């Protein structure tokens, strides 16, 4: 006598297929989240290295560090429609301007890290190389030269500062250190937290 087949065997197959598909989608979402989080860390790491460089230059050589309260004041006054200041010292103080300045500083760094990911893809996170973050950091000098400096009353590329060439050189050095910091952070992440394929 032939035993009867189990009723509706295909239901079990569909259940397993659905479970496998859910696992695959879950892994894909987790991988995507990891990639974006690592790109964020690359931007934060580059900013931390930049801040350490600024601290060393200030303590060792007396080079004035960026006054983030003034940056925060500039951003704060944008809420009142004031995007360009004649001189930041004459701009109206803004509540919490120091905190705003620091938050903006790190937010910009994170945006640069995400931009690096957008341009180079996750392959850079898997095998970081020096040139991409350096080129990005140098190209993005247009931001301080054409946006931040004119907006804060320093003129295009610091043309209204007492020593414009020194101002420009400081920006080049700062962005170069930031690029190195992004590269170093990428290398650390690739070594200790490999990006899943």
C-alpha atoms as a PDB file:
ATOM      1  CA  UNK A   1       0.000   0.000   0.000  1.00  0.00           C
ATOM      2  CA  UNK A   2       1.390   3.371  -1.000  1.00  0.00           C
ATOM      3  CA  UNK A   3       1.421   5.972   1.787  1.00  0.00           C
ATOM      4  CA  UNK A   4      -0.428   9.146   0.985  1.00  0.00           C
ATOM      5  CA  UNK A   5       1.730  12.210   0.432  1.00  0.00           C
ATOM      6  CA  UNK A   6       1.624  14.917   3.069  1.00  0.00           C
ATOM      7  CA  UNK A   7      -1.068  17.448   2.203  1.00  0.00           C
ATOM      8  CA  UNK A   8       0.082  20.735   0.643  1.00  0.00           C
ATOM      9  CA  UNK A   9       3.863  20.128   0.739  1.00  0.00           C
ATOM     10  CA  UNK A  10       4.406  23.285  -1.296  1.00  0.00           C
ATOM     11  CA  UNK A  11       3.298  25.422   1.649  1.00  0.00           C
ATOM     12  CA  UNK A  12       6.376  24.403   3.623  1.00  0.00           C
ATOM     13  CA  UNK A  13       8.587  25.283   0.639  1.00  0.00           C
ATOM     14  CA  UNK A  14       7.035  28.699   0.359  1.00  0.00           C
ATOM     15  CA  UNK A  15       7.522  29.320   4.054  1.00  0.00           C
ATOM     16  CA  UNK A  16      11.217  28.446   3.850  1.00  0.00           C
ATOM     17  CA  UNK A  17      11.668  30.552   0.719  1.00  0.00           C
ATOM     18  CA  UNK A  18      10.007  33.523   2.386  1.00  0.00           C
ATOM     19  CA  UNK A  19      12.172  33.131   5.477  1.00  0.00           C
ATOM     20  CA  UNK A  20      15.338  32.947   3.340  1.00  0.00           C
ATOM     21  CA  UNK A  21      14.294  36.045   1.401  1.00  0.00           C
ATOM     22  CA  UNK A  22      13.675  37.919   4.637  1.00  0.00           C
ATOM     23  CA  UNK A  23      17.147  36.961   5.875  1.00  0.00           C
ATOM     24  CA  UNK A  24      18.756  38.150   2.637  1.00  0.00           C
ATOM     25  CA  UNK A  25      16.915  41.466   2.755  1.00  0.00           C
ATOM     26  CA  UNK A  26      17.848  41.870   6.417  1.00  0.00           C
ATOM     27  CA  UNK A  27      21.529  41.275   5.665  1.00  0.00           C
ATOM     28  CA  UNK A  28      21.381  43.727   2.757  1.00  0.00           C
ATOM     29  CA  UNK A  29      19.836  46.449   4.927  1.00  0.00           C
ATOM     30  CA  UNK A  30      22.385  45.756   7.681  1.00  0.00           C
ATOM     31  CA  UNK A  31      25.240  45.989   5.149  1.00  0.00           C
ATOM     32  CA  UNK A  32      23.919  49.290   3.775  1.00  0.00           C
ATOM     33  CA  UNK A  33      23.558  50.703   7.282  1.00  0.00           C
ATOM     34  CA  UNK A  34      27.121  49.617   8.105  1.00  0.00           C
ATOM     35  CA  UNK A  35      28.478  51.344   4.996  1.00  0.00           C
ATOM     36  CA  UNK A  36      26.734  54.639   5.752  1.00  0.00           C
ATOM     37  CA  UNK A  37      27.752  54.488   9.419  1.00  0.00           C
ATOM     38  CA  UNK A  38      31.377  53.878   8.460  1.00  0.00           C
ATOM     39  CA  UNK A  39      31.305  56.799   6.013  1.00  0.00           C
ATOM     40  CA  UNK A  40      29.975  58.930   8.871  1.00  0.00           C
ATOM     41  CA  UNK A  41      32.830  57.744  11.086  1.00  0.00           C
ATOM     42  CA  UNK A  42      35.327  58.584   8.327  1.00  0.00           C
ATOM     43  CA  UNK A  43      34.043  62.182   8.345  1.00  0.00           C
ATOM     44  CA  UNK A  44      34.095  62.359  12.152  1.00  0.00           C
ATOM     45  CA  UNK A  45      37.580  60.835  12.286  1.00  0.00           C
ATOM     46  CA  UNK A  46      38.922  63.339   9.768  1.00  0.00           C
ATOM     47  CA  UNK A  47      37.430  66.191  11.798  1.00  0.00           C
ATOM     48  CA  UNK A  48      38.961  64.912  15.047  1.00  0.00           C
ATOM     49  CA  UNK A  49      42.395  64.693  13.411  1.00  0.00           C
ATOM     50  CA  UNK A  50      41.937  68.248  12.120  1.00  0.00           C
ATOM     51  CA  UNK A  51      41.041  69.465  15.614  1.00  0.00           C
ATOM     52  CA  UNK A  52      44.085  67.738  17.127  1.00  0.00           C
ATOM     53  CA  UNK A  53      46.275  69.388  14.481  1.00  0.00           C
ATOM     54  CA  UNK A  54      44.749  72.800  15.272  1.00  0.00           C
ATOM     55  CA  UNK A  55      45.326  72.239  19.001  1.00  0.00           C
ATOM     56  CA  UNK A  56      48.986  71.309  18.448  1.00  0.00           C
ATOM     57  CA  UNK A  57      49.560  74.310  16.168  1.00  0.00           C
ATOM     58  CA  UNK A  58      47.941  76.595  18.726  1.00  0.00           C
ATOM     59  CA  UNK A  59      49.872  75.258  21.716  1.00  0.00           C
ATOM     60  CA  UNK A  60      53.230  74.739  20.021  1.00  0.00           C
ATOM     61  CA  UNK A  61      53.397  77.604  17.516  1.00  0.00           C
ATOM     62  CA  UNK A  62      50.769  80.035  18.741  1.00  0.00           C
ATOM     63  CA  UNK A  63      48.733  79.753  15.533  1.00  0.00           C
ATOM     64  CA  UNK A  64      45.206  80.974  16.347  1.00  0.00           C
ATOM     65  CA  UNK A  65      42.623  78.199  16.112  1.00  0.00           C
ATOM     66  CA  UNK A  66      39.243  78.723  14.474  1.00  0.00           C
ATOM     67  CA  UNK A  67      36.803  80.542  16.728  1.00  0.00           C
ATOM     68  CA  UNK A  68      33.804  78.237  16.444  1.00  0.00           C
ATOM     69  CA  UNK A  69      31.621  80.683  18.334  1.00  0.00           C
ATOM     70  CA  UNK A  70      31.974  83.080  15.399  1.00  0.00           C
ATOM     71  CA  UNK A  71      31.085  80.293  12.986  1.00  0.00           C
ATOM     72  CA  UNK A  72      28.048  79.536  15.131  1.00  0.00           C
ATOM     73  CA  UNK A  73      27.137  83.230  15.129  1.00  0.00           C
ATOM     74  CA  UNK A  74      27.325  83.262  11.346  1.00  0.00           C
ATOM     75  CA  UNK A  75      25.037  80.240  11.060  1.00  0.00           C
ATOM     76  CA  UNK A  76      22.740  81.570  13.770  1.00  0.00           C
ATOM     77  CA  UNK A  77      22.213  84.882  12.038  1.00  0.00           C
ATOM     78  CA  UNK A  78      21.208  83.073   8.860  1.00  0.00           C
ATOM     79  CA  UNK A  79      17.914  82.370  10.624  1.00  0.00           C
ATOM     80  CA  UNK A  80      17.299  86.132  10.434  1.00  0.00           C
ATOM     81  CA  UNK A  81      18.162  86.270   6.746  1.00  0.00           C
ATOM     82  CA  UNK A  82      21.697  87.599   7.322  1.00  0.00           C
ATOM     83  CA  UNK A  83      23.893  85.371   5.168  1.00  0.00           C
ATOM     84  CA  UNK A  84      26.770  87.820   4.693  1.00  0.00           C
ATOM     85  CA  UNK A  85      28.390  89.781   7.503  1.00  0.00           C
ATOM     86  CA  UNK A  86      30.624  92.815   7.107  1.00  0.00           C
ATOM     87  CA  UNK A  87      32.568  91.747  10.199  1.00  0.00           C
ATOM     88  CA  UNK A  88      31.704  88.934  12.580  1.00  0.00           C
ATOM     89  CA  UNK A  89      32.733  91.042  15.565  1.00  0.00           C
ATOM     90  CA  UNK A  90      29.907  93.424  14.673  1.00  0.00           C
ATOM     91  CA  UNK A  91      27.317  90.698  14.088  1.00  0.00           C
ATOM     92  CA  UNK A  92      24.642  90.222  16.724  1.00  0.00           C
ATOM     93  CA  UNK A  93      25.570  87.505  19.259  1.00  0.00           C
ATOM     94  CA  UNK A  94      23.442  84.385  18.980  1.00  0.00           C
ATOM     95  CA  UNK A  95      22.387  82.193  21.885  1.00  0.00           C
ATOM     96  CA  UNK A  96      24.312  78.927  21.916  1.00  0.00           C
ATOM     97  CA  UNK A  97      26.630  80.112  19.145  1.00  0.00           C
ATOM     98  CA  UNK A  98      29.610  78.113  20.393  1.00  0.00           C
ATOM     99  CA  UNK A  99      27.622  74.868  20.427  1.00  0.00           C
ATOM    100  CA  UNK A 100      26.157  75.688  16.997  1.00  0.00           C
ATOM    101  CA  UNK A 101      29.651  76.273  15.650  1.00  0.00           C
ATOM    102  CA  UNK A 102      30.979  72.943  16.889  1.00  0.00           C
ATOM    103  CA  UNK A 103      27.904  71.046  15.696  1.00  0.00           C
ATOM    104  CA  UNK A 104      28.212  72.652  12.248  1.00  0.00           C
ATOM    105  CA  UNK A 105      31.931  71.793  12.199  1.00  0.00           C
ATOM    106  CA  UNK A 106      31.297  68.088  12.745  1.00  0.00           C
ATOM    107  CA  UNK A 107      28.169  68.015  10.574  1.00  0.00           C
ATOM    108  CA  UNK A 108      30.220  69.359   7.662  1.00  0.00           C
ATOM    109  CA  UNK A 109      32.882  66.717   8.322  1.00  0.00           C
ATOM    110  CA  UNK A 110      30.218  64.000   8.234  1.00  0.00           C
ATOM    111  CA  UNK A 111      28.850  65.381   4.957  1.00  0.00           C
ATOM    112  CA  UNK A 112      32.345  65.184   3.475  1.00  0.00           C
ATOM    113  CA  UNK A 113      32.652  61.555   4.602  1.00  0.00           C
ATOM    114  CA  UNK A 114      29.320  60.708   2.965  1.00  0.00           C
ATOM    115  CA  UNK A 115      30.364  62.577  -0.176  1.00  0.00           C
ATOM    116  CA  UNK A 116      33.523  60.475  -0.337  1.00  0.00           C
ATOM    117  CA  UNK A 117      31.327  57.363  -0.172  1.00  0.00           C
ATOM    118  CA  UNK A 118      29.036  58.727  -2.900  1.00  0.00           C
ATOM    119  CA  UNK A 119      31.989  59.390  -5.219  1.00  0.00           C
ATOM    120  CA  UNK A 120      34.107  56.304  -4.538  1.00  0.00           C
ATOM    121  CA  UNK A 121      31.571  53.723  -3.399  1.00  0.00           C
ATOM    122  CA  UNK A 122      31.994  51.177  -0.625  1.00  0.00           C
ATOM    123  CA  UNK A 123      35.030  49.759  -2.430  1.00  0.00           C
ATOM    124  CA  UNK A 124      37.009  52.628  -0.872  1.00  0.00           C
ATOM    125  CA  UNK A 125      35.883  51.539   2.596  1.00  0.00           C
ATOM    126  CA  UNK A 126      37.032  48.006   1.794  1.00  0.00           C
ATOM    127  CA  UNK A 127      40.440  49.117   0.450  1.00  0.00           C
ATOM    128  CA  UNK A 128      41.109  52.759   1.413  1.00  0.00           C
ATOM    129  CA  UNK A 129      43.675  54.664  -0.639  1.00  0.00           C
ATOM    130  CA  UNK A 130      45.137  58.082   0.079  1.00  0.00           C
ATOM    131  CA  UNK A 131      44.445  59.990  -3.127  1.00  0.00           C
ATOM    132  CA  UNK A 132      40.594  60.116  -3.151  1.00  0.00           C
ATOM    133  CA  UNK A 133      40.149  61.804   0.266  1.00  0.00           C
ATOM    134  CA  UNK A 134      43.042  64.181  -0.440  1.00  0.00           C
ATOM    135  CA  UNK A 135      41.626  65.256  -3.816  1.00  0.00           C
ATOM    136  CA  UNK A 136      38.171  65.681  -2.272  1.00  0.00           C
ATOM    137  CA  UNK A 137      39.577  67.776   0.580  1.00  0.00           C
ATOM    138  CA  UNK A 138      41.465  70.036  -1.844  1.00  0.00           C
ATOM    139  CA  UNK A 139      38.510  70.439  -4.214  1.00  0.00           C
ATOM    140  CA  UNK A 140      36.293  71.343  -1.271  1.00  0.00           C
ATOM    141  CA  UNK A 141      38.492  74.346  -0.517  1.00  0.00           C
ATOM    142  CA  UNK A 142      35.906  76.158  -2.637  1.00  0.00           C
ATOM    143  CA  UNK A 143      33.612  76.019   0.411  1.00  0.00           C
ATOM    144  CA  UNK A 144      35.716  78.199   2.745  1.00  0.00           C
ATOM    145  CA  UNK A 145      37.125  80.334  -0.075  1.00  0.00           C
ATOM    146  CA  UNK A 146      33.843  81.139  -1.806  1.00  0.00           C
ATOM    147  CA  UNK A 147      31.200  80.636   0.886  1.00  0.00           C
ATOM    148  CA  UNK A 148      32.386  80.776   4.479  1.00  0.00           C
ATOM    149  CA  UNK A 149      35.072  83.463   4.223  1.00  0.00           C
ATOM    150  CA  UNK A 150      32.983  85.921   2.175  1.00  0.00           C
ATOM    151  CA  UNK A 151      29.961  85.210   4.361  1.00  0.00           C
ATOM    152  CA  UNK A 152      31.924  85.952   7.527  1.00  0.00           C
ATOM    153  CA  UNK A 153      33.290  89.240   6.175  1.00  0.00           C
ATOM    154  CA  UNK A 154      36.770  87.996   5.265  1.00  0.00           C
ATOM    155  CA  UNK A 155      36.330  88.425   1.522  1.00  0.00           C
ATOM    156  CA  UNK A 156      36.752  85.849  -1.231  1.00  0.00           C
ATOM    157  CA  UNK A 157      39.549  83.463  -0.237  1.00  0.00           C
ATOM    158  CA  UNK A 158      40.368  85.671   2.740  1.00  0.00           C
ATOM    159  CA  UNK A 159      41.145  88.725   0.580  1.00  0.00           C
ATOM    160  CA  UNK A 160      40.048  91.123   3.348  1.00  0.00           C
ATOM    161  CA  UNK A 161      42.168  89.550   6.074  1.00  0.00           C
ATOM    162  CA  UNK A 162      45.453  91.178   7.175  1.00  0.00           C
ATOM    163  CA  UNK A 163      47.506  88.373   5.562  1.00  0.00           C
ATOM    164  CA  UNK A 164      45.389  86.787   2.801  1.00  0.00           C
ATOM    165  CA  UNK A 165      48.055  84.325   1.652  1.00  0.00           C
ATOM    166  CA  UNK A 166      48.562  83.050   5.196  1.00  0.00           C
ATOM    167  CA  UNK A 167      44.793  82.647   5.550  1.00  0.00           C
ATOM    168  CA  UNK A 168      44.665  80.651   2.315  1.00  0.00           C
ATOM    169  CA  UNK A 169      47.649  78.516   3.309  1.00  0.00           C
ATOM    170  CA  UNK A 170      46.016  77.699   6.653  1.00  0.00           C
ATOM    171  CA  UNK A 171      42.933  76.485   4.817  1.00  0.00           C
ATOM    172  CA  UNK A 172      45.024  74.339   2.471  1.00  0.00           C
ATOM    173  CA  UNK A 173      46.897  72.833   5.412  1.00  0.00           C
ATOM    174  CA  UNK A 174      43.705  72.254   7.364  1.00  0.00           C
ATOM    175  CA  UNK A 175      41.949  70.540   4.470  1.00  0.00           C
ATOM    176  CA  UNK A 176      45.062  68.445   3.776  1.00  0.00           C
ATOM    177  CA  UNK A 177      45.151  67.262   7.386  1.00  0.00           C
ATOM    178  CA  UNK A 178      41.425  66.537   7.197  1.00  0.00           C
ATOM    179  CA  UNK A 179      41.979  64.415   4.071  1.00  0.00           C
ATOM    180  CA  UNK A 180      44.772  62.515   5.833  1.00  0.00           C
ATOM    181  CA  UNK A 181      42.478  62.027   8.808  1.00  0.00           C
ATOM    182  CA  UNK A 182      39.745  60.541   6.626  1.00  0.00           C
ATOM    183  CA  UNK A 183      42.278  58.172   5.060  1.00  0.00           C
ATOM    184  CA  UNK A 184      43.675  57.103   8.452  1.00  0.00           C
ATOM    185  CA  UNK A 185      40.157  56.507   9.794  1.00  0.00           C
ATOM    186  CA  UNK A 186      39.268  54.493   6.703  1.00  0.00           C
ATOM    187  CA  UNK A 187      42.355  52.314   7.162  1.00  0.00           C
ATOM    188  CA  UNK A 188      41.502  51.673  10.810  1.00  0.00           C
ATOM    189  CA  UNK A 189      37.925  50.725   9.956  1.00  0.00           C
ATOM    190  CA  UNK A 190      39.059  48.440   7.118  1.00  0.00           C
ATOM    191  CA  UNK A 191      41.494  46.680   9.468  1.00  0.00           C
ATOM    192  CA  UNK A 192      39.271  46.242  12.519  1.00  0.00           C
ATOM    193  CA  UNK A 193      35.738  46.355  11.040  1.00  0.00           C
ATOM    194  CA  UNK A 194      35.759  44.873   7.524  1.00  0.00           C
ATOM    195  CA  UNK A 195      32.928  45.943   5.243  1.00  0.00           C
ATOM    196  CA  UNK A 196      30.727  42.972   4.271  1.00  0.00           C
ATOM    197  CA  UNK A 197      30.570  42.151   0.561  1.00  0.00           C
END
